[in-house]
Amino acid sequence: MRLFLLILVVFSGILASFELNKAILPENYVAIPGGATLDKNGHAIAIRPFFMSNTEATNREYQAFLTDLLRRKKTAEHALAQIRPEGWQNLYPAFENYHTLPEYQDYPVVNISQEGARLYCTWLTEIYAERNPDFTVLFRLPTETEWKYAARGGLSNDVPYPHGHFLRDPNGQFLYNFRVVGDEAVHYDPKTKTFQIQSIQRPAENGGLKSAGTVPASFNPPFSARTFKPNGYDLYNLSGNVAEMLNEPGRTKGGCFNSGGYDIRINAPDVYAGFYEPTPYIGFRPVAVVEARQK
C-alpha cells in the first residue's frame, strides 16, 4: 500500500508539473521533475516538482537585490543582508572588491549571512507574486533532500557526484572546482588544516578515464557560475565552487573551492555545519515552489 501511494504521489506530481511550468519565474530557473528518492534510513520518499536556479546566486543578482532594498528605504534589511568583503582578508586580500568588479558579476556571491540569503528569497517572492496571479510562488533555500535529489540530476542514488562516479571526464578534465591535492579520496579538515586519505568504493571500470596525475595544492577562487558543464537537470556547480546554504539553519551542501575531492561528494558530511558568520566559502542557490491558486 505504501509503495502504491508513493507511485500515486509521484505520478500526480508529474502531471502537476505541466501546469506549473506556466508560472512566470526568473529565466535561469529550471524545472526539477517530481520523483522518488531515499531518506537517510533507506526508505523511499516522494519529491514533488519544484524549480531551482541553475546557478548559484551571483554578485549581479544579489547587488540588484541590495540596490532595491535601498531604493525602497528598507535600511534595516539592507544592513542584515549586506556583503562582508572583509571575509577575504585572511584568505585572498586581492579579492576584497570581488563583489563589485565587472569581471566577477556572474560569479557566485559569498560573504553573506544566511539571513541575507533568506531576505533575498523573500524579495524574489514579493516580486513574482505580482507576476503570477494564477499561482502562489515561494522562493526559499532548498532542503537537504531537495538539494541532493537535484544534484544527482536524474542519476541513481549511489552516484557520489552530479555527473557520476568521477571528478574528471574521460579526457582527464576536471568537472568541478575544488582544492586539488590528489583525488576524490582526499578529505580536507578546515579546522585542523590537515589532509586525510579516505577509503572509497567505485566501479572497476571508469569509461576510459585518462590519468592526469596529482596537482600541487593551491588556492582556487570561485569560478563563474556557469563554469564546467551542467548536470542532467541543467544545474551548474553543485559540487565544489562554493558551498550552498540549505533551508536547515547553519547547514550547507556541496563543498567549495577549498574542499578536497572527498568533501564535494553529494553525500559528504557538512564541514561547515553550524556556520553563522559570512564567509568566502559559502553562497546559496534558491528554489521556487509553485502551486496553482484555487479558482
C-alpha atoms as a PDB file:
ATOM      1  CA  MET A   1       0.000   0.000   0.000  1.00  0.00           C
ATOM      2  CA  ARG A   2       2.818   2.421   0.863  1.00  0.00           C
ATOM      3  CA  LEU A   3       4.519   1.754  -2.471  1.00  0.00           C
ATOM      4  CA  PHE A   4       1.224   2.320  -4.299  1.00  0.00           C
ATOM      5  CA  LEU A   5       0.705   5.642  -2.540  1.00  0.00           C
ATOM      6  CA  LEU A   6       4.285   6.689  -3.347  1.00  0.00           C
ATOM      7  CA  ILE A   7       3.759   5.874  -7.041  1.00  0.00           C
ATOM      8  CA  LEU A   8       0.464   7.795  -6.986  1.00  0.00           C
ATOM      9  CA  VAL A   9       2.103  10.878  -5.453  1.00  0.00           C
ATOM     10  CA  VAL A  10       4.959  10.784  -7.973  1.00  0.00           C
ATOM     11  CA  PHE A  11       2.573  10.351 -10.918  1.00  0.00           C
ATOM     12  CA  SER A  12       0.366  13.187  -9.660  1.00  0.00           C
ATOM     13  CA  GLY A  13       3.451  15.373  -9.310  1.00  0.00           C
ATOM     14  CA  ILE A  14       4.471  14.691 -12.901  1.00  0.00           C
ATOM     15  CA  LEU A  15       1.013  15.686 -14.141  1.00  0.00           C
ATOM     16  CA  ALA A  16       1.023  18.801 -11.959  1.00  0.00           C
ATOM     17  CA  SER A  17       4.419  19.883 -13.280  1.00  0.00           C
ATOM     18  CA  PHE A  18       2.960  20.510 -16.756  1.00  0.00           C
ATOM     19  CA  GLU A  19       0.576  23.092 -15.291  1.00  0.00           C
ATOM     20  CA  LEU A  20       3.198  24.622 -13.010  1.00  0.00           C
ATOM     21  CA  ASN A  21       5.524  25.256 -15.966  1.00  0.00           C
ATOM     22  CA  LYS A  22       3.157  28.071 -16.970  1.00  0.00           C
ATOM     23  CA  ALA A  23       4.253  30.120 -13.959  1.00  0.00           C
ATOM     24  CA  ILE A  24       6.484  33.152 -14.623  1.00  0.00           C
ATOM     25  CA  LEU A  25       9.892  32.722 -12.976  1.00  0.00           C
ATOM     26  CA  PRO A  26      13.410  34.124 -13.490  1.00  0.00           C
ATOM     27  CA  GLU A  27      14.745  32.814 -16.801  1.00  0.00           C
ATOM     28  CA  ASN A  28      17.596  30.881 -15.163  1.00  0.00           C
ATOM     29  CA  TYR A  29      15.244  28.699 -13.086  1.00  0.00           C
ATOM     30  CA  VAL A  30      14.829  25.137 -14.322  1.00  0.00           C
ATOM     31  CA  ALA A  31      12.110  22.602 -13.544  1.00  0.00           C
ATOM     32  CA  ILE A  32      13.121  19.723 -11.288  1.00  0.00           C
ATOM     33  CA  PRO A  33      10.683  16.900 -12.011  1.00  0.00           C
ATOM     34  CA  GLY A  34       8.860  15.063  -9.268  1.00  0.00           C
ATOM     35  CA  GLY A  35      10.105  11.623  -8.426  1.00  0.00           C
ATOM     36  CA  ALA A  36      11.291   9.451  -5.575  1.00  0.00           C
ATOM     37  CA  THR A  37      14.480   9.270  -3.552  1.00  0.00           C
ATOM     38  CA  LEU A  38      15.748   7.556  -0.420  1.00  0.00           C
ATOM     39  CA  ASP A  39      15.962   9.101   3.019  1.00  0.00           C
ATOM     40  CA  LYS A  40      18.849   8.552   5.446  1.00  0.00           C
ATOM     41  CA  ASN A  41      17.317   5.246   6.553  1.00  0.00           C
ATOM     42  CA  GLY A  42      16.933   3.932   3.019  1.00  0.00           C
ATOM     43  CA  HIS A  43      13.163   4.483   2.901  1.00  0.00           C
ATOM     44  CA  ALA A  44      11.616   5.739  -0.326  1.00  0.00           C
ATOM     45  CA  ILE A  45      10.131   9.236  -0.173  1.00  0.00           C
ATOM     46  CA  ALA A  46       8.309  11.246  -2.820  1.00  0.00           C
ATOM     47  CA  ILE A  47       9.686  14.505  -4.226  1.00  0.00           C
ATOM     48  CA  ARG A  48       7.165  16.961  -5.565  1.00  0.00           C
ATOM     49  CA  PRO A  49       8.143  19.088  -8.591  1.00  0.00           C
ATOM     50  CA  PHE A  50       9.959  22.329  -7.853  1.00  0.00           C
ATOM     51  CA  PHE A  51      12.160  24.850  -9.621  1.00  0.00           C
ATOM     52  CA  MET A  52      15.781  25.692  -8.899  1.00  0.00           C
ATOM     53  CA  SER A  53      18.221  28.360 -10.009  1.00  0.00           C
ATOM     54  CA  ASN A  54      20.572  26.642 -12.422  1.00  0.00           C
ATOM     55  CA  THR A  55      23.485  28.591 -10.939  1.00  0.00           C
ATOM     56  CA  GLU A  56      24.490  29.758  -7.515  1.00  0.00           C
ATOM     57  CA  ALA A  57      23.127  33.256  -6.823  1.00  0.00           C
ATOM     58  CA  THR A  58      25.535  35.684  -8.468  1.00  0.00           C
ATOM     59  CA  ASN A  59      27.063  39.014  -7.489  1.00  0.00           C
ATOM     60  CA  ARG A  60      24.931  40.668 -10.185  1.00  0.00           C
ATOM     61  CA  GLU A  61      21.680  39.214  -8.852  1.00  0.00           C
ATOM     62  CA  TYR A  62      22.477  39.970  -5.231  1.00  0.00           C
ATOM     63  CA  GLN A  63      23.559  43.549  -5.970  1.00  0.00           C
ATOM     64  CA  ALA A  64      20.202  44.137  -7.710  1.00  0.00           C
ATOM     65  CA  PHE A  65      18.510  42.967  -4.512  1.00  0.00           C
ATOM     66  CA  LEU A  66      20.608  45.253  -2.285  1.00  0.00           C
ATOM     67  CA  THR A  67      20.025  48.212  -4.593  1.00  0.00           C
ATOM     68  CA  ASP A  68      16.271  47.653  -4.489  1.00  0.00           C
ATOM     69  CA  LEU A  69      16.286  47.475  -0.686  1.00  0.00           C
ATOM     70  CA  LEU A  70      17.894  50.907  -0.568  1.00  0.00           C
ATOM     71  CA  ARG A  71      15.508  52.246  -3.199  1.00  0.00           C
ATOM     72  CA  ARG A  72      12.585  51.180  -1.028  1.00  0.00           C
ATOM     73  CA  LYS A  73      14.314  52.572   2.073  1.00  0.00           C
ATOM     74  CA  LYS A  74      14.487  49.164   3.774  1.00  0.00           C
ATOM     75  CA  THR A  75      17.658  50.097   5.633  1.00  0.00           C
ATOM     76  CA  ALA A  76      17.290  47.501   8.396  1.00  0.00           C
ATOM     77  CA  GLU A  77      17.035  44.647   5.880  1.00  0.00           C
ATOM     78  CA  HIS A  78      19.930  46.107   3.888  1.00  0.00           C
ATOM     79  CA  ALA A  79      22.129  46.138   6.979  1.00  0.00           C
ATOM     80  CA  LEU A  80      21.370  42.471   7.635  1.00  0.00           C
ATOM     81  CA  ALA A  81      21.859  41.434   4.018  1.00  0.00           C
ATOM     82  CA  GLN A  82      24.935  43.410   3.013  1.00  0.00           C
ATOM     83  CA  ILE A  83      28.062  41.695   1.732  1.00  0.00           C
ATOM     84  CA  ARG A  84      31.010  41.493   4.134  1.00  0.00           C
ATOM     85  CA  PRO A  85      34.062  41.686   1.840  1.00  0.00           C
ATOM     86  CA  GLU A  86      36.444  41.677   4.817  1.00  0.00           C
ATOM     87  CA  GLY A  87      35.973  37.920   4.782  1.00  0.00           C
ATOM     88  CA  TRP A  88      38.594  37.769   2.035  1.00  0.00           C
ATOM     89  CA  GLN A  89      41.286  39.416   4.168  1.00  0.00           C
ATOM     90  CA  ASN A  90      42.747  36.281   5.712  1.00  0.00           C
ATOM     91  CA  LEU A  91      42.351  34.211   2.559  1.00  0.00           C
ATOM     92  CA  TYR A  92      42.948  36.299  -0.548  1.00  0.00           C
ATOM     93  CA  PRO A  93      43.051  40.077   0.103  1.00  0.00           C
ATOM     94  CA  ALA A  94      43.142  40.865  -3.625  1.00  0.00           C
ATOM     95  CA  PHE A  95      39.514  39.685  -3.792  1.00  0.00           C
ATOM     96  CA  GLU A  96      38.195  42.375  -1.435  1.00  0.00           C
ATOM     97  CA  ASN A  97      36.338  44.026  -4.337  1.00  0.00           C
ATOM     98  CA  TYR A  98      35.244  40.694  -5.833  1.00  0.00           C
ATOM     99  CA  HIS A  99      31.546  41.532  -5.374  1.00  0.00           C
ATOM    100  CA  THR A 100      31.694  44.856  -7.261  1.00  0.00           C
ATOM    101  CA  LEU A 101      34.216  44.339 -10.079  1.00  0.00           C
ATOM    102  CA  PRO A 102      32.580  43.960 -13.538  1.00  0.00           C
ATOM    103  CA  GLU A 103      34.537  40.817 -14.390  1.00  0.00           C
ATOM    104  CA  TYR A 104      33.072  38.983 -11.377  1.00  0.00           C
ATOM    105  CA  GLN A 105      29.406  39.927 -11.759  1.00  0.00           C
ATOM    106  CA  ASP A 106      28.449  36.426 -12.912  1.00  0.00           C
ATOM    107  CA  TYR A 107      30.403  34.702 -10.156  1.00  0.00           C
ATOM    108  CA  PRO A 108      28.696  33.347  -7.013  1.00  0.00           C
ATOM    109  CA  VAL A 109      28.001  35.854  -4.261  1.00  0.00           C
ATOM    110  CA  VAL A 110      29.746  34.978  -0.980  1.00  0.00           C
ATOM    111  CA  ASN A 111      30.450  36.641   2.377  1.00  0.00           C
ATOM    112  CA  ILE A 112      26.767  36.961   3.193  1.00  0.00           C
ATOM    113  CA  SER A 113      24.771  35.633   6.136  1.00  0.00           C
ATOM    114  CA  GLN A 114      22.074  33.005   5.901  1.00  0.00           C
ATOM    115  CA  GLU A 115      19.643  35.712   6.986  1.00  0.00           C
ATOM    116  CA  GLY A 116      20.742  37.741   3.967  1.00  0.00           C
ATOM    117  CA  ALA A 117      20.078  34.765   1.676  1.00  0.00           C
ATOM    118  CA  ARG A 118      16.618  34.323   3.204  1.00  0.00           C
ATOM    119  CA  LEU A 119      15.847  38.022   2.727  1.00  0.00           C
ATOM    120  CA  TYR A 120      16.867  37.670  -0.931  1.00  0.00           C
ATOM    121  CA  CYS A 121      14.381  34.791  -1.294  1.00  0.00           C
ATOM    122  CA  THR A 122      11.653  36.860   0.374  1.00  0.00           C
ATOM    123  CA  TRP A 123      12.405  39.708  -2.045  1.00  0.00           C
ATOM    124  CA  LEU A 124      12.021  37.390  -5.040  1.00  0.00           C
ATOM    125  CA  THR A 125       8.779  36.024  -3.601  1.00  0.00           C
ATOM    126  CA  GLU A 126       7.355  39.547  -3.382  1.00  0.00           C
ATOM    127  CA  ILE A 127       8.387  40.402  -6.950  1.00  0.00           C
ATOM    128  CA  TYR A 128       6.982  37.245  -8.521  1.00  0.00           C
ATOM    129  CA  ALA A 129       3.751  37.305  -6.526  1.00  0.00           C
ATOM    130  CA  GLU A 130       2.748  40.302  -8.644  1.00  0.00           C
ATOM    131  CA  ARG A 131       3.673  38.500 -11.874  1.00  0.00           C
ATOM    132  CA  ASN A 132       1.760  35.289 -11.137  1.00  0.00           C
ATOM    133  CA  PRO A 133      -1.933  35.986 -10.451  1.00  0.00           C
ATOM    134  CA  ASP A 134      -2.782  32.308 -11.091  1.00  0.00           C
ATOM    135  CA  PHE A 135      -0.015  30.813  -8.926  1.00  0.00           C
ATOM    136  CA  THR A 136       1.430  31.007  -5.460  1.00  0.00           C
ATOM    137  CA  VAL A 137       5.209  31.191  -5.853  1.00  0.00           C
ATOM    138  CA  LEU A 138       7.510  30.825  -2.859  1.00  0.00           C
ATOM    139  CA  PHE A 139      11.274  31.284  -3.149  1.00  0.00           C
ATOM    140  CA  ARG A 140      13.407  29.784  -0.378  1.00  0.00           C
ATOM    141  CA  LEU A 141      16.580  27.834   0.297  1.00  0.00           C
ATOM    142  CA  PRO A 142      16.425  24.131  -0.623  1.00  0.00           C
ATOM    143  CA  THR A 143      16.027  21.399   1.948  1.00  0.00           C
ATOM    144  CA  GLU A 144      18.838  18.852   2.136  1.00  0.00           C
ATOM    145  CA  THR A 145      16.607  16.247   0.469  1.00  0.00           C
ATOM    146  CA  GLU A 146      15.714  18.599  -2.400  1.00  0.00           C
ATOM    147  CA  TRP A 147      19.332  19.647  -2.882  1.00  0.00           C
ATOM    148  CA  LYS A 148      20.631  16.076  -3.047  1.00  0.00           C
ATOM    149  CA  TYR A 149      17.824  14.997  -5.372  1.00  0.00           C
ATOM    150  CA  ALA A 150      18.524  17.896  -7.740  1.00  0.00           C
ATOM    151  CA  ALA A 151      22.298  17.407  -7.526  1.00  0.00           C
ATOM    152  CA  ARG A 152      22.045  13.862  -8.886  1.00  0.00           C
ATOM    153  CA  GLY A 153      20.330  15.175 -11.999  1.00  0.00           C
ATOM    154  CA  GLY A 154      18.289  12.032 -12.508  1.00  0.00           C
ATOM    155  CA  LEU A 155      21.144   9.614 -11.812  1.00  0.00           C
ATOM    156  CA  SER A 156      20.862   6.822  -9.250  1.00  0.00           C
ATOM    157  CA  ASN A 157      21.108   7.418  -5.510  1.00  0.00           C
ATOM    158  CA  ASP A 158      24.543   5.807  -5.274  1.00  0.00           C
ATOM    159  CA  VAL A 159      26.448   8.263  -7.505  1.00  0.00           C
ATOM    160  CA  PRO A 160      28.832  10.433  -5.447  1.00  0.00           C
ATOM    161  CA  TYR A 161      28.962  13.411  -7.826  1.00  0.00           C
ATOM    162  CA  PRO A 162      26.470  15.293 -10.043  1.00  0.00           C
ATOM    163  CA  HIS A 163      27.995  13.734 -13.173  1.00  0.00           C
ATOM    164  CA  GLY A 164      28.559  10.235 -11.862  1.00  0.00           C
ATOM    165  CA  HIS A 165      31.408   8.458 -10.096  1.00  0.00           C
ATOM    166  CA  PHE A 166      34.432  10.564 -11.050  1.00  0.00           C
ATOM    167  CA  LEU A 167      35.960  14.024 -10.660  1.00  0.00           C
ATOM    168  CA  ARG A 168      37.222  14.108 -14.243  1.00  0.00           C
ATOM    169  CA  ASP A 169      35.665  13.440 -17.609  1.00  0.00           C
ATOM    170  CA  PRO A 170      37.042  10.667 -19.894  1.00  0.00           C
ATOM    171  CA  ASN A 171      39.574  13.150 -21.310  1.00  0.00           C
ATOM    172  CA  GLY A 172      41.045  13.841 -17.880  1.00  0.00           C
ATOM    173  CA  GLN A 173      39.454  17.295 -17.496  1.00  0.00           C
ATOM    174  CA  PHE A 174      38.092  18.255 -14.096  1.00  0.00           C
ATOM    175  CA  LEU A 175      34.318  18.548 -13.802  1.00  0.00           C
ATOM    176  CA  TYR A 176      34.345  20.641 -10.613  1.00  0.00           C
ATOM    177  CA  ASN A 177      36.172  23.495  -8.897  1.00  0.00           C
ATOM    178  CA  PHE A 178      37.772  22.132  -5.714  1.00  0.00           C
ATOM    179  CA  ARG A 179      41.114  22.065  -3.917  1.00  0.00           C
ATOM    180  CA  VAL A 180      43.105  19.623  -5.996  1.00  0.00           C
ATOM    181  CA  VAL A 181      45.620  17.800  -3.804  1.00  0.00           C
ATOM    182  CA  GLY A 182      45.138  14.312  -5.152  1.00  0.00           C
ATOM    183  CA  ASP A 183      41.861  12.642  -5.992  1.00  0.00           C
ATOM    184  CA  GLU A 184      38.419  12.094  -4.554  1.00  0.00           C
ATOM    185  CA  ALA A 185      39.855  10.088  -1.638  1.00  0.00           C
ATOM    186  CA  VAL A 186      41.342  13.246  -0.112  1.00  0.00           C
ATOM    187  CA  HIS A 187      39.452  14.860   2.765  1.00  0.00           C
ATOM    188  CA  TYR A 188      40.494  18.338   3.954  1.00  0.00           C
ATOM    189  CA  ASP A 189      39.699  19.295   7.547  1.00  0.00           C
ATOM    190  CA  PRO A 190      39.422  23.124   7.664  1.00  0.00           C
ATOM    191  CA  LYS A 191      39.672  23.156  11.456  1.00  0.00           C
ATOM    192  CA  THR A 192      42.999  21.316  11.736  1.00  0.00           C
ATOM    193  CA  LYS A 193      44.104  22.352   8.228  1.00  0.00           C
ATOM    194  CA  THR A 194      45.239  18.811   7.504  1.00  0.00           C
ATOM    195  CA  PHE A 195      44.564  16.362   4.672  1.00  0.00           C
ATOM    196  CA  GLN A 196      43.433  12.779   5.247  1.00  0.00           C
ATOM    197  CA  ILE A 197      43.060   9.837   2.881  1.00  0.00           C
ATOM    198  CA  GLN A 198      39.588   8.270   2.979  1.00  0.00           C
ATOM    199  CA  SER A 199      38.600   4.788   1.863  1.00  0.00           C
ATOM    200  CA  ILE A 200      36.133   4.908  -1.045  1.00  0.00           C
ATOM    201  CA  GLN A 201      34.451   2.401  -3.319  1.00  0.00           C
ATOM    202  CA  ARG A 202      33.866   2.930  -7.014  1.00  0.00           C
ATOM    203  CA  PRO A 203      33.292   0.848 -10.161  1.00  0.00           C
ATOM    204  CA  ALA A 204      36.204  -1.138 -11.530  1.00  0.00           C
ATOM    205  CA  GLU A 205      35.768   0.488 -14.944  1.00  0.00           C
ATOM    206  CA  ASN A 206      35.761   4.225 -15.463  1.00  0.00           C
ATOM    207  CA  GLY A 207      34.820   4.577 -19.090  1.00  0.00           C
ATOM    208  CA  GLY A 208      38.365   5.083 -20.342  1.00  0.00           C
ATOM    209  CA  LEU A 209      39.327   7.816 -17.864  1.00  0.00           C
ATOM    210  CA  LYS A 210      42.817   9.110 -18.594  1.00  0.00           C
ATOM    211  CA  SER A 211      45.138   9.670 -15.650  1.00  0.00           C
ATOM    212  CA  ALA A 212      46.369  13.231 -15.274  1.00  0.00           C
ATOM    213  CA  GLY A 213      48.419  12.677 -12.115  1.00  0.00           C
ATOM    214  CA  THR A 214      48.250  14.755  -8.964  1.00  0.00           C
ATOM    215  CA  VAL A 215      48.340  18.522  -8.803  1.00  0.00           C
ATOM    216  CA  PRO A 216      50.025  20.545  -6.028  1.00  0.00           C
ATOM    217  CA  ALA A 217      47.678  22.206  -3.555  1.00  0.00           C
ATOM    218  CA  SER A 218      46.963  25.805  -4.488  1.00  0.00           C
ATOM    219  CA  PHE A 219      44.361  28.496  -3.894  1.00  0.00           C
ATOM    220  CA  ASN A 220      41.497  28.283  -6.388  1.00  0.00           C
ATOM    221  CA  PRO A 221      38.986  31.145  -6.050  1.00  0.00           C
ATOM    222  CA  PRO A 222      35.348  30.663  -7.069  1.00  0.00           C
ATOM    223  CA  PHE A 223      34.743  30.219 -10.791  1.00  0.00           C
ATOM    224  CA  SER A 224      31.983  31.771 -12.867  1.00  0.00           C
ATOM    225  CA  ALA A 225      28.517  30.447 -12.020  1.00  0.00           C
ATOM    226  CA  ARG A 226      28.396  28.629 -15.385  1.00  0.00           C
ATOM    227  CA  THR A 227      31.879  27.164 -15.393  1.00  0.00           C
ATOM    228  CA  PHE A 228      32.005  23.438 -16.259  1.00  0.00           C
ATOM    229  CA  LYS A 229      29.092  21.554 -17.774  1.00  0.00           C
ATOM    230  CA  PRO A 230      25.688  21.220 -16.072  1.00  0.00           C
ATOM    231  CA  ASN A 231      24.272  18.007 -14.675  1.00  0.00           C
ATOM    232  CA  GLY A 232      21.262  16.138 -16.033  1.00  0.00           C
ATOM    233  CA  TYR A 233      18.853  18.791 -14.719  1.00  0.00           C
ATOM    234  CA  ASP A 234      20.867  21.643 -16.299  1.00  0.00           C
ATOM    235  CA  LEU A 235      22.293  22.746 -12.913  1.00  0.00           C
ATOM    236  CA  TYR A 236      25.842  24.098 -12.687  1.00  0.00           C
ATOM    237  CA  ASN A 237      28.482  23.741  -9.958  1.00  0.00           C
ATOM    238  CA  LEU A 238      26.545  21.764  -7.370  1.00  0.00           C
ATOM    239  CA  SER A 239      29.762  20.141  -6.174  1.00  0.00           C
ATOM    240  CA  GLY A 240      32.626  22.497  -5.362  1.00  0.00           C
ATOM    241  CA  ASN A 241      32.905  26.190  -6.277  1.00  0.00           C
ATOM    242  CA  VAL A 242      31.046  27.489  -3.194  1.00  0.00           C
ATOM    243  CA  ALA A 243      29.192  25.535  -0.534  1.00  0.00           C
ATOM    244  CA  GLU A 244      25.446  26.147  -0.803  1.00  0.00           C
ATOM    245  CA  MET A 245      23.188  27.055   2.116  1.00  0.00           C
ATOM    246  CA  LEU A 246      20.273  24.790   2.971  1.00  0.00           C
ATOM    247  CA  ASN A 247      16.898  25.663   4.454  1.00  0.00           C
ATOM    248  CA  GLU A 248      18.049  23.936   7.635  1.00  0.00           C
ATOM    249  CA  PRO A 249      19.735  26.688   9.730  1.00  0.00           C
ATOM    250  CA  GLY A 250      23.534  26.690   9.604  1.00  0.00           C
ATOM    251  CA  ARG A 251      23.723  23.876   7.047  1.00  0.00           C
ATOM    252  CA  THR A 252      25.359  23.602   3.628  1.00  0.00           C
ATOM    253  CA  LYS A 253      25.950  21.035   0.890  1.00  0.00           C
ATOM    254  CA  GLY A 254      28.370  20.575  -1.981  1.00  0.00           C
ATOM    255  CA  GLY A 255      31.679  21.716  -0.522  1.00  0.00           C
ATOM    256  CA  CYS A 256      33.626  24.605  -2.067  1.00  0.00           C
ATOM    257  CA  PHE A 257      36.775  25.641  -3.914  1.00  0.00           C
ATOM    258  CA  ASN A 258      38.771  24.978  -0.727  1.00  0.00           C
ATOM    259  CA  SER A 259      37.379  21.444  -0.226  1.00  0.00           C
ATOM    260  CA  GLY A 260      39.143  18.202  -1.113  1.00  0.00           C
ATOM    261  CA  GLY A 261      37.595  15.893  -3.681  1.00  0.00           C
ATOM    262  CA  TYR A 262      36.159  13.674  -0.952  1.00  0.00           C
ATOM    263  CA  ASP A 263      34.308  16.639   0.565  1.00  0.00           C
ATOM    264  CA  ILE A 264      32.433  17.728  -2.567  1.00  0.00           C
ATOM    265  CA  ARG A 265      30.500  14.454  -2.818  1.00  0.00           C
ATOM    266  CA  ILE A 266      26.706  14.763  -2.750  1.00  0.00           C
ATOM    267  CA  ASN A 267      26.513  12.775   0.487  1.00  0.00           C
ATOM    268  CA  ALA A 268      29.663  14.194   2.094  1.00  0.00           C
ATOM    269  CA  PRO A 269      29.375  15.378   5.714  1.00  0.00           C
ATOM    270  CA  ASP A 270      28.826  19.122   6.054  1.00  0.00           C
ATOM    271  CA  VAL A 271      32.164  20.530   7.231  1.00  0.00           C
ATOM    272  CA  TYR A 272      30.545  23.971   7.603  1.00  0.00           C
ATOM    273  CA  ALA A 273      27.643  22.758   9.764  1.00  0.00           C
ATOM    274  CA  GLY A 274      26.763  25.373  12.352  1.00  0.00           C
ATOM    275  CA  PHE A 275      28.155  28.331  10.379  1.00  0.00           C
ATOM    276  CA  TYR A 276      26.570  31.690  11.174  1.00  0.00           C
ATOM    277  CA  GLU A 277      29.115  34.266  10.045  1.00  0.00           C
ATOM    278  CA  PRO A 278      29.563  35.342   6.402  1.00  0.00           C
ATOM    279  CA  THR A 279      32.466  33.547   4.734  1.00  0.00           C
ATOM    280  CA  PRO A 280      34.031  33.444   1.250  1.00  0.00           C
ATOM    281  CA  TYR A 281      33.463  29.681   1.158  1.00  0.00           C
ATOM    282  CA  ILE A 282      29.638  29.772   1.236  1.00  0.00           C
ATOM    283  CA  GLY A 283      26.965  31.055  -1.149  1.00  0.00           C
ATOM    284  CA  PHE A 284      23.447  29.898  -1.948  1.00  0.00           C
ATOM    285  CA  ARG A 285      21.086  28.690  -4.677  1.00  0.00           C
ATOM    286  CA  PRO A 286      17.334  29.352  -4.269  1.00  0.00           C
ATOM    287  CA  VAL A 287      14.477  27.066  -5.185  1.00  0.00           C
ATOM    288  CA  ALA A 288      10.944  28.094  -6.131  1.00  0.00           C
ATOM    289  CA  VAL A 289       7.899  26.131  -5.034  1.00  0.00           C
ATOM    290  CA  VAL A 290       4.848  26.798  -7.232  1.00  0.00           C
ATOM    291  CA  GLU A 291       1.225  25.946  -6.544  1.00  0.00           C
ATOM    292  CA  ALA A 292      -1.834  26.764  -8.662  1.00  0.00           C
ATOM    293  CA  ARG A 293      -4.278  29.056  -6.868  1.00  0.00           C
ATOM    294  CA  GLN A 294      -7.793  27.821  -6.295  1.00  0.00           C
ATOM    295  CA  LYS A 295     -10.193  29.272  -8.857  1.00  0.00           C
END
